[in-house]
C-alpha atoms as a PDB file:
ATOM      1  CA  MET A   1     -23.269 -17.024 -27.922  1.00  0.00           C
ATOM      2  CA  GLY A   2     -19.393 -15.794 -26.683  1.00  0.00           C
ATOM      3  CA  VAL A   3     -18.153 -12.502 -27.306  1.00  0.00           C
ATOM      4  CA  ASN A   4     -15.486 -12.042 -30.347  1.00  0.00           C
ATOM      5  CA  GLY A   5     -12.759  -9.495 -31.601  1.00  0.00           C
ATOM      6  CA  CYS A   6     -12.447  -6.306 -29.566  1.00  0.00           C
ATOM      7  CA  GLY A   7     -15.001  -7.995 -26.621  1.00  0.00           C
ATOM      8  CA  GLN A   8     -12.592 -10.924 -26.539  1.00  0.00           C
ATOM      9  CA  LEU A   9      -9.101  -8.884 -26.100  1.00  0.00           C
ATOM     10  CA  ALA A  10     -10.919  -6.923 -23.632  1.00  0.00           C
ATOM     11  CA  LYS A  11     -11.961 -10.230 -21.579  1.00  0.00           C
ATOM     12  CA  CYS A  12      -8.075 -11.761 -21.890  1.00  0.00           C
ATOM     13  CA  ILE A  13      -7.006  -8.425 -20.596  1.00  0.00           C
ATOM     14  CA  LEU A  14      -9.375  -8.152 -17.583  1.00  0.00           C
ATOM     15  CA  ILE A  15      -8.877 -11.752 -16.334  1.00  0.00           C
ATOM     16  CA  LEU A  16      -5.045 -10.962 -16.482  1.00  0.00           C
ATOM     17  CA  PHE A  17      -5.693  -7.724 -14.661  1.00  0.00           C
ATOM     18  CA  SER A  18      -8.126  -9.979 -11.782  1.00  0.00           C
ATOM     19  CA  VAL A  19      -4.832 -12.126 -11.540  1.00  0.00           C
ATOM     20  CA  LEU A  20      -2.852  -8.962 -10.957  1.00  0.00           C
ATOM     21  CA  PHE A  21      -5.030  -7.579  -8.282  1.00  0.00           C
ATOM     22  CA  ALA A  22      -5.237 -11.036  -6.727  1.00  0.00           C
ATOM     23  CA  ILE A  23      -1.459 -11.485  -6.156  1.00  0.00           C
ATOM     24  CA  ILE A  24      -1.237  -7.557  -5.242  1.00  0.00           C
ATOM     25  CA  GLY A  25      -4.115  -7.691  -2.730  1.00  0.00           C
ATOM     26  CA  LEU A  26      -2.675 -11.047  -1.237  1.00  0.00           C
ATOM     27  CA  GLY A  27       0.633  -9.785  -1.194  1.00  0.00           C
ATOM     28  CA  MET A  28      -0.482  -6.598   0.711  1.00  0.00           C
ATOM     29  CA  ALA A  29      -3.004  -8.505   3.041  1.00  0.00           C
ATOM     30  CA  GLY A  30      -0.288 -10.755   4.276  1.00  0.00           C
ATOM     31  CA  LEU A  31       2.205  -8.185   4.894  1.00  0.00           C
ATOM     32  CA  GLY A  32      -0.415  -6.576   7.069  1.00  0.00           C
ATOM     33  CA  ILE A  33      -1.712  -9.440   8.833  1.00  0.00           C
ATOM     34  CA  GLY A  34       1.829 -10.629   9.223  1.00  0.00           C
ATOM     35  CA  LEU A  35       3.326  -7.548  10.800  1.00  0.00           C
ATOM     36  CA  ARG A  36       0.169  -7.791  13.344  1.00  0.00           C
ATOM     37  CA  LEU A  37       1.018 -11.212  14.429  1.00  0.00           C
ATOM     38  CA  SER A  38       4.630 -11.104  14.269  1.00  0.00           C
ATOM     39  CA  ALA A  39       6.273 -11.437  17.582  1.00  0.00           C
ATOM     40  CA  ASP A  40       8.531  -8.447  16.582  1.00  0.00           C
ATOM     41  CA  THR A  41       5.914  -6.033  15.862  1.00  0.00           C
ATOM     42  CA  ARG A  42       3.365  -7.385  18.344  1.00  0.00           C
ATOM     43  CA  GLY A  43       4.118  -4.681  20.948  1.00  0.00           C
ATOM     44  CA  LEU A  44       3.998  -1.700  18.676  1.00  0.00           C
ATOM     45  CA  PHE A  45      -0.204  -2.060  18.825  1.00  0.00           C
ATOM     46  CA  ASP A  46       0.073  -1.420  22.428  1.00  0.00           C
ATOM     47  CA  VAL A  47       2.639   1.697  22.557  1.00  0.00           C
ATOM     48  CA  ASP A  48       0.794   4.993  24.298  1.00  0.00           C
ATOM     49  CA  LEU A  49       1.234   7.293  21.450  1.00  0.00           C
ATOM     50  CA  LYS A  50      -1.066  10.315  20.286  1.00  0.00           C
ATOM     51  CA  THR A  51      -0.809   8.893  16.892  1.00  0.00           C
ATOM     52  CA  GLN A  52      -0.888   5.502  15.730  1.00  0.00           C
ATOM     53  CA  GLN A  53       0.726   5.533  12.268  1.00  0.00           C
ATOM     54  CA  PHE A  54       1.989   2.194  12.415  1.00  0.00           C
ATOM     55  CA  VAL A  55      -1.331   0.570  13.658  1.00  0.00           C
ATOM     56  CA  ILE A  56      -3.123   2.946  10.793  1.00  0.00           C
ATOM     57  CA  PHE A  57      -0.661   1.728   7.921  1.00  0.00           C
ATOM     58  CA  VAL A  58      -0.936  -2.306   8.784  1.00  0.00           C
ATOM     59  CA  VAL A  59      -5.058  -1.771   9.090  1.00  0.00           C
ATOM     60  CA  VAL A  60      -4.833  -0.076   5.582  1.00  0.00           C
ATOM     61  CA  LEU A  61      -2.453  -2.971   4.262  1.00  0.00           C
ATOM     62  CA  ILE A  62      -4.950  -5.402   5.346  1.00  0.00           C
ATOM     63  CA  VAL A  63      -8.376  -3.769   4.300  1.00  0.00           C
ATOM     64  CA  LEU A  64      -6.503  -2.647   0.835  1.00  0.00           C
ATOM     65  CA  GLY A  65      -5.550  -6.151   0.211  1.00  0.00           C
ATOM     66  CA  GLY A  66      -9.162  -7.739   1.107  1.00  0.00           C
ATOM     67  CA  LEU A  67     -10.252  -4.891  -1.332  1.00  0.00           C
ATOM     68  CA  MET A  68      -7.945  -5.943  -4.147  1.00  0.00           C
ATOM     69  CA  VAL A  69      -8.755  -9.590  -3.472  1.00  0.00           C
ATOM     70  CA  LEU A  70     -12.518  -8.816  -4.172  1.00  0.00           C
ATOM     71  CA  VAL A  71     -11.835  -6.801  -6.997  1.00  0.00           C
ATOM     72  CA  SER A  72     -10.201  -9.848  -8.631  1.00  0.00           C
ATOM     73  CA  ILE A  73     -12.919 -12.013  -7.645  1.00  0.00           C
ATOM     74  CA  PHE A  74     -15.646 -10.037  -9.198  1.00  0.00           C
ATOM     75  CA  GLY A  75     -13.424  -9.258 -12.057  1.00  0.00           C
ATOM     76  CA  PHE A  76     -12.495 -13.192 -12.732  1.00  0.00           C
ATOM     77  CA  HIS A  77     -16.034 -14.296 -12.273  1.00  0.00           C
ATOM     78  CA  GLY A  78     -17.306 -11.186 -14.718  1.00  0.00           C
ATOM     79  CA  ALA A  79     -15.003 -11.708 -17.555  1.00  0.00           C
ATOM     80  CA  CYS A  80     -14.642 -15.553 -17.379  1.00  0.00           C
ATOM     81  CA  GLY A  81     -18.376 -15.949 -17.289  1.00  0.00           C
ATOM     82  CA  GLU A  82     -19.395 -13.067 -19.212  1.00  0.00           C
ATOM     83  CA  ASN A  83     -21.587 -11.952 -16.358  1.00  0.00           C
ATOM     84  CA  ILE A  84     -22.551  -7.964 -16.567  1.00  0.00           C
ATOM     85  CA  SER A  85     -23.796  -8.127 -12.722  1.00  0.00           C
ATOM     86  CA  SER A  86     -20.119  -9.221 -11.275  1.00  0.00           C
ATOM     87  CA  LEU A  87     -18.813  -7.177 -13.915  1.00  0.00           C
ATOM     88  CA  ARG A  88     -20.411  -4.077 -12.441  1.00  0.00           C
ATOM     89  CA  VAL A  89     -19.736  -4.687  -8.884  1.00  0.00           C
ATOM     90  CA  PHE A  90     -16.183  -5.029 -10.338  1.00  0.00           C
ATOM     91  CA  ALA A  91     -16.485  -1.611 -11.668  1.00  0.00           C
ATOM     92  CA  VAL A  92     -17.997  -0.066  -8.434  1.00  0.00           C
ATOM     93  CA  LEU A  93     -14.808  -1.619  -6.697  1.00  0.00           C
ATOM     94  CA  VAL A  94     -12.326  -0.341  -8.985  1.00  0.00           C
ATOM     95  CA  CYS A  95     -13.758   2.804  -8.430  1.00  0.00           C
ATOM     96  CA  ILE A  96     -13.106   2.742  -4.653  1.00  0.00           C
ATOM     97  CA  ALA A  97      -9.478   1.763  -4.936  1.00  0.00           C
ATOM     98  CA  GLY A  98      -8.990   4.751  -7.399  1.00  0.00           C
ATOM     99  CA  VAL A  99     -10.971   7.070  -5.094  1.00  0.00           C
ATOM    100  CA  GLU A 100      -8.165   5.400  -2.195  1.00  0.00           C
ATOM    101  CA  ILE A 101      -5.586   6.170  -4.686  1.00  0.00           C
ATOM    102  CA  GLY A 102      -6.647   9.659  -5.422  1.00  0.00           C
ATOM    103  CA  ALA A 103      -7.021  10.227  -1.579  1.00  0.00           C
ATOM    104  CA  ALA A 104      -3.418   9.294  -1.251  1.00  0.00           C
ATOM    105  CA  VAL A 105      -2.508  11.359  -3.799  1.00  0.00           C
ATOM    106  CA  LEU A 106      -3.653  14.464  -1.960  1.00  0.00           C
ATOM    107  CA  VAL A 107      -1.953  13.228   1.090  1.00  0.00           C
ATOM    108  CA  TYR A 108       1.330  13.014  -0.723  1.00  0.00           C
ATOM    109  CA  MET A 109       0.407  16.801  -1.873  1.00  0.00           C
ATOM    110  CA  ARG A 110       0.881  17.680   1.676  1.00  0.00           C
ATOM    111  CA  SER A 111       3.809  15.796   1.845  1.00  0.00           C
ATOM    112  CA  THR A 112       5.956  18.231   3.883  1.00  0.00           C
ATOM    113  CA  GLU A 113       3.241  18.367   6.799  1.00  0.00           C
ATOM    114  CA  VAL A 114       3.065  14.989   6.620  1.00  0.00           C
ATOM    115  CA  SER A 115       6.779  14.589   6.805  1.00  0.00           C
ATOM    116  CA  GLN A 116       6.956  17.030   9.874  1.00  0.00           C
ATOM    117  CA  HIS A 117       4.252  14.898  11.368  1.00  0.00           C
ATOM    118  CA  LEU A 118       6.268  11.917  11.023  1.00  0.00           C
ATOM    119  CA  GLY A 119       9.217  13.466  12.538  1.00  0.00           C
ATOM    120  CA  GLU A 120       7.151  14.461  15.307  1.00  0.00           C
ATOM    121  CA  VAL A 121       6.018  10.848  16.244  1.00  0.00           C
ATOM    122  CA  TYR A 122       9.492   9.706  16.260  1.00  0.00           C
ATOM    123  CA  ALA A 123      10.666  12.247  18.413  1.00  0.00           C
ATOM    124  CA  SER A 124       7.917  11.237  20.632  1.00  0.00           C
ATOM    125  CA  ILE A 125       8.899   7.449  20.470  1.00  0.00           C
ATOM    126  CA  TYR A 126      12.516   8.344  21.206  1.00  0.00           C
ATOM    127  CA  ALA A 127      11.638  10.572  24.196  1.00  0.00           C
ATOM    128  CA  GLN A 128       9.555   7.774  25.565  1.00  0.00           C
ATOM    129  CA  PHE A 129      11.903   5.060  25.286  1.00  0.00           C
ATOM    130  CA  LEU A 130      14.687   7.108  27.240  1.00  0.00           C
ATOM    131  CA  ASN A 131      12.282   7.836  29.828  1.00  0.00           C
ATOM    132  CA  THR A 132      11.045   4.151  30.376  1.00  0.00           C
ATOM    133  CA  ARG A 133      13.358   1.594  28.564  1.00  0.00           C
ATOM    134  CA  ASP A 134      10.142   0.132  27.322  1.00  0.00           C
ATOM    135  CA  SER A 135      10.859  -3.152  25.032  1.00  0.00           C
ATOM    136  CA  SER A 136       8.049  -2.262  22.703  1.00  0.00           C
ATOM    137  CA  LEU A 137       9.091   1.172  22.326  1.00  0.00           C
ATOM    138  CA  GLY A 138      12.757  -0.363  21.803  1.00  0.00           C
ATOM    139  CA  THR A 139      11.226  -2.676  18.745  1.00  0.00           C
ATOM    140  CA  THR A 140       9.684   0.126  17.319  1.00  0.00           C
ATOM    141  CA  LEU A 141      12.744   2.253  17.108  1.00  0.00           C
ATOM    142  CA  LYS A 142      14.944  -1.006  15.638  1.00  0.00           C
ATOM    143  CA  ILE A 143      12.119  -1.239  13.279  1.00  0.00           C
ATOM    144  CA  ILE A 144      12.239   2.183  12.054  1.00  0.00           C
ATOM    145  CA  HIS A 145      16.081   2.392  12.113  1.00  0.00           C
ATOM    146  CA  GLN A 146      16.346  -0.688  10.014  1.00  0.00           C
ATOM    147  CA  ALA A 147      13.774   0.914   7.287  1.00  0.00           C
ATOM    148  CA  PHE A 148      14.891   4.198   7.084  1.00  0.00           C
ATOM    149  CA  ASP A 149      18.601   3.143   7.470  1.00  0.00           C
ATOM    150  CA  CYS A 150      19.351   5.922  10.239  1.00  0.00           C
ATOM    151  CA  CYS A 151      20.285   6.062  13.854  1.00  0.00           C
ATOM    152  CA  GLY A 152      18.670   7.952  16.935  1.00  0.00           C
ATOM    153  CA  VAL A 153      18.241  11.947  17.055  1.00  0.00           C
ATOM    154  CA  GLY A 154      21.831  12.895  16.136  1.00  0.00           C
ATOM    155  CA  GLY A 155      22.915  10.283  14.019  1.00  0.00           C
ATOM    156  CA  GLY A 156      26.713   8.714  13.810  1.00  0.00           C
ATOM    157  CA  LEU A 157      28.663   8.387  16.723  1.00  0.00           C
ATOM    158  CA  LEU A 158      26.723  11.356  18.445  1.00  0.00           C
ATOM    159  CA  GLU A 159      23.874   9.022  19.106  1.00  0.00           C
ATOM    160  CA  VAL A 160      24.896   7.286  22.348  1.00  0.00           C
ATOM    161  CA  PHE A 161      21.412   6.686  24.252  1.00  0.00           C
ATOM    162  CA  VAL A 162      19.972   4.318  21.401  1.00  0.00           C
ATOM    163  CA  ARG A 163      23.032   2.679  19.749  1.00  0.00           C
ATOM    164  CA  ASP A 164      21.687  -1.019  20.305  1.00  0.00           C
ATOM    165  CA  THR A 165      18.862  -0.253  18.384  1.00  0.00           C
ATOM    166  CA  CYS A 166      20.677   1.204  15.536  1.00  0.00           C
ATOM    167  CA  PRO A 167      21.877  -0.942  12.037  1.00  0.00           C
ATOM    168  CA  ASP A 168      25.136  -2.708  12.422  1.00  0.00           C
ATOM    169  CA  LYS A 169      27.822  -1.101  10.291  1.00  0.00           C
ATOM    170  CA  SER A 170      31.231  -0.434   9.773  1.00  0.00           C
ATOM    171  CA  LEU A 171      32.934   1.964  11.813  1.00  0.00           C
ATOM    172  CA  TRP A 172      32.687   4.590   8.673  1.00  0.00           C
ATOM    173  CA  ASP A 173      29.383   3.859   7.711  1.00  0.00           C
ATOM    174  CA  THR A 174      28.409   4.425  11.591  1.00  0.00           C
ATOM    175  CA  ILE A 175      30.306   7.641  11.792  1.00  0.00           C
ATOM    176  CA  THR A 176      28.313   8.864   8.697  1.00  0.00           C
ATOM    177  CA  ASN A 177      24.951   7.425   9.520  1.00  0.00           C
ATOM    178  CA  PRO A 178      22.244  10.191   9.543  1.00  0.00           C
ATOM    179  CA  GLY A 179      19.842  10.909  12.211  1.00  0.00           C
ATOM    180  CA  CYS A 180      16.458   9.975  11.994  1.00  0.00           C
ATOM    181  CA  PRO A 181      14.434  13.040  11.740  1.00  0.00           C
ATOM    182  CA  HIS A 182      16.571  14.415   9.065  1.00  0.00           C
ATOM    183  CA  VAL A 183      15.916  11.289   7.064  1.00  0.00           C
ATOM    184  CA  ILE A 184      12.249  11.125   7.890  1.00  0.00           C
ATOM    185  CA  MET A 185      11.678  14.760   7.306  1.00  0.00           C
ATOM    186  CA  ASN A 186      13.138  14.358   3.775  1.00  0.00           C
ATOM    187  CA  LEU A 187      11.796  11.209   2.891  1.00  0.00           C
ATOM    188  CA  PHE A 188       8.677  12.518   0.275  1.00  0.00           C
ATOM    189  CA  GLU A 189      11.337  14.811  -1.244  1.00  0.00           C
ATOM    190  CA  ASP A 190      14.018  12.213  -1.777  1.00  0.00           C
ATOM    191  CA  LYS A 191      11.514   9.160  -2.891  1.00  0.00           C
ATOM    192  CA  ALA A 192       9.220  12.080  -5.193  1.00  0.00           C
ATOM    193  CA  PRO A 193       9.984  10.242  -8.608  1.00  0.00           C
ATOM    194  CA  MET A 194       9.325   6.746  -7.079  1.00  0.00           C
ATOM    195  CA  VAL A 195       6.068   7.621  -5.502  1.00  0.00           C
ATOM    196  CA  MET A 196       4.620   9.427  -8.261  1.00  0.00           C
ATOM    197  CA  GLY A 197       5.673   6.790 -10.743  1.00  0.00           C
ATOM    198  CA  PHE A 198       3.311   4.281  -8.279  1.00  0.00           C
ATOM    199  CA  PHE A 199       0.229   6.663  -8.269  1.00  0.00           C
ATOM    200  CA  LEU A 200       0.498   7.248 -11.888  1.00  0.00           C
ATOM    201  CA  ALA A 201       0.736   3.474 -12.785  1.00  0.00           C
ATOM    202  CA  SER A 202      -2.014   2.648 -10.160  1.00  0.00           C
ATOM    203  CA  GLY A 203      -4.181   5.319 -12.384  1.00  0.00           C
ATOM    204  CA  ALA A 204      -3.122   3.871 -15.351  1.00  0.00           C
ATOM    205  CA  ILE A 205      -4.249   0.439 -14.537  1.00  0.00           C
ATOM    206  CA  MET A 206      -7.382   1.450 -12.986  1.00  0.00           C
ATOM    207  CA  ILE A 207      -8.584   3.243 -16.089  1.00  0.00           C
ATOM    208  CA  ALA A 208      -7.634   0.317 -18.445  1.00  0.00           C
ATOM    209  CA  ALA A 209      -9.653  -1.891 -16.223  1.00  0.00           C
ATOM    210  CA  LEU A 210     -12.337   0.515 -16.500  1.00  0.00           C
ATOM    211  CA  VAL A 211     -12.243   0.779 -20.377  1.00  0.00           C
ATOM    212  CA  CYS A 212     -12.259  -3.298 -20.860  1.00  0.00           C
ATOM    213  CA  PHE A 213     -15.153  -3.386 -18.445  1.00  0.00           C
ATOM    214  CA  ALA A 214     -16.932  -0.881 -20.473  1.00  0.00           C
ATOM    215  CA  LEU A 215     -15.919  -2.664 -23.680  1.00  0.00           C
ATOM    216  CA  LEU A 216     -16.946  -6.502 -22.437  1.00  0.00           C
ATOM    217  CA  SER A 217     -20.138  -5.354 -21.234  1.00  0.00           C
ATOM    218  CA  ASN A 218     -21.070  -3.734 -24.419  1.00  0.00           C
ATOM    219  CA  ALA A 219     -19.759  -7.017 -26.495  1.00  0.00           C
ATOM    220  CA  ILE A 220     -21.871  -8.938 -23.928  1.00  0.00           C
ATOM    221  CA  LYS A 221     -25.253  -7.082 -24.701  1.00  0.00           C
ATOM    222  CA  GLN A 222     -24.552  -7.320 -28.430  1.00  0.00           C
ATOM    223  CA  SER A 223     -23.616 -10.836 -28.403  1.00  0.00           C
ATOM    224  CA  ARG A 224     -26.862 -11.443 -26.498  1.00  0.00           C
ATOM    225  CA  TYR A 225     -29.121  -9.383 -28.590  1.00  0.00           C
ATOM    226  CA  SER A 226     -27.777 -10.891 -31.799  1.00  0.00           C
ATOM    227  CA  ALA A 227     -28.191 -14.138 -30.820  1.00  0.00           C
ATOM    228  CA  PRO A 228     -30.757 -15.984 -32.606  1.00  0.00           C
ATOM    229  CA  GLY A 229     -34.143 -16.690 -30.905  1.00  0.00           C
ATOM    230  CA  PHE A 230     -35.907 -20.366 -31.113  1.00  0.00           C
ATOM    231  CA  PHE A 231     -39.735 -20.737 -30.905  1.00  0.00           C
END
């Protein structure tokens, strides 16, 4: 005997969430694997730095993507098959993902320290490139310059050492192009509304998924208890 009423609604919402988690997970994992295997970024994993934020970022993308795919698999199987065991695994995985989001929020609360550290990492890459002219470091700088729309330490026409790694711009845009340390240091402050919106939206989805799990699990138990026995 299947569920009905509120349980059926929770079941449909869980299926939709599972599809959403699958899309997000495959996107994150695909992006991480693409960055890891790309010819343009493969050299980043061999850069000799005290910290390897880019490598950590790629690994986190792949791990979180895999976790989201697992969440979607157990959620879809539990909701479609009305399997309480799969639903419980789904709830546990959602809680783990929620803890990771909470950790990200804590990191964001220390955004000043994190942005300063990222600025120091950029300065280290910049200095090593000037000393060695290593192609892997040049690729790293080019990716950073494209991602943050900045150019070197001085920015504008003051930057003459890494001009070939900066974004191609018109003369006026080149003059006004800021230096990367300043852009990176202000990254969290400038993107605060968007970052917090992402965290809040993710938390809301996790809570909604857990509520649907509780409603569907209760509905499944009630339907089984109310099913007539045959003797």
